[in-house]
Protein backbone atom coordinates (compact mmCIF):
# COMPACT_ATOMS: atom_id res chain seq x y z
CA UNK A 1 -9.20 -16.59 -23.90
CA UNK A 2 -9.12 -16.37 -20.24
CA UNK A 3 -10.10 -18.76 -18.22
CA UNK A 4 -10.94 -19.47 -14.19
CA UNK A 5 -7.43 -21.60 -14.50
CA UNK A 6 -5.74 -18.31 -14.61
CA UNK A 7 -6.58 -17.30 -11.74
CA UNK A 8 -4.27 -18.20 -8.65
CA UNK A 9 -4.95 -20.90 -6.48
CA UNK A 10 -5.64 -20.52 -2.53
CA UNK A 11 -3.70 -22.63 -0.91
CA UNK A 12 -5.60 -23.71 2.10
CA UNK A 13 -7.01 -25.97 0.38
CA UNK A 14 -5.38 -29.13 -1.19
CA UNK A 15 -3.91 -28.32 -5.31
CA UNK A 16 -5.85 -31.32 -6.75
CA UNK A 17 -8.75 -30.34 -5.05
CA UNK A 18 -8.79 -26.68 -6.15
CA UNK A 19 -7.65 -27.85 -9.51
CA UNK A 20 -10.74 -30.57 -9.99
CA UNK A 21 -13.08 -27.92 -8.36
CA UNK A 22 -12.12 -25.43 -10.93
CA UNK A 23 -12.05 -27.57 -13.81
CA UNK A 24 -15.74 -28.83 -12.58
CA UNK A 25 -17.12 -25.23 -12.42
CA UNK A 26 -15.61 -24.86 -16.32
CA UNK A 27 -17.52 -28.14 -17.27
CA UNK A 28 -20.85 -27.29 -15.50
CA UNK A 29 -20.94 -23.78 -16.58
CA UNK A 30 -19.89 -24.68 -20.59
CA UNK A 31 -16.81 -22.91 -20.33
CA UNK A 32 -15.30 -26.00 -21.87
CA UNK A 33 -17.00 -27.97 -24.06
CA UNK A 34 -17.04 -31.59 -24.60
CA UNK A 35 -13.74 -33.08 -26.78
CA UNK A 36 -12.03 -30.20 -24.72
CA UNK A 37 -8.24 -31.18 -23.99
CA UNK A 38 -6.50 -30.50 -21.41
CA UNK A 39 -2.30 -30.42 -21.03
CA UNK A 40 -0.69 -30.79 -17.59
CA UNK A 41 1.51 -28.04 -18.75
CA UNK A 42 -0.32 -25.39 -19.00
CA UNK A 43 -2.55 -26.62 -15.74
CA UNK A 44 0.87 -26.96 -13.79
CA UNK A 45 2.37 -23.31 -14.85
CA UNK A 46 -1.04 -21.60 -13.23
CA UNK A 47 -1.05 -23.82 -10.21
CA UNK A 48 2.18 -25.23 -9.96
């Protein structure tokens, strides 16, 4: 399953803000369903 978290982050905005925006869009769109567990290692690999 490919998600928008797979896309490299643009570095003009702080990383934490980009990550929160990405996760927020996924929650609102239904891509991340209630109860989804987000692990730090995959997030770190994708966004550094």
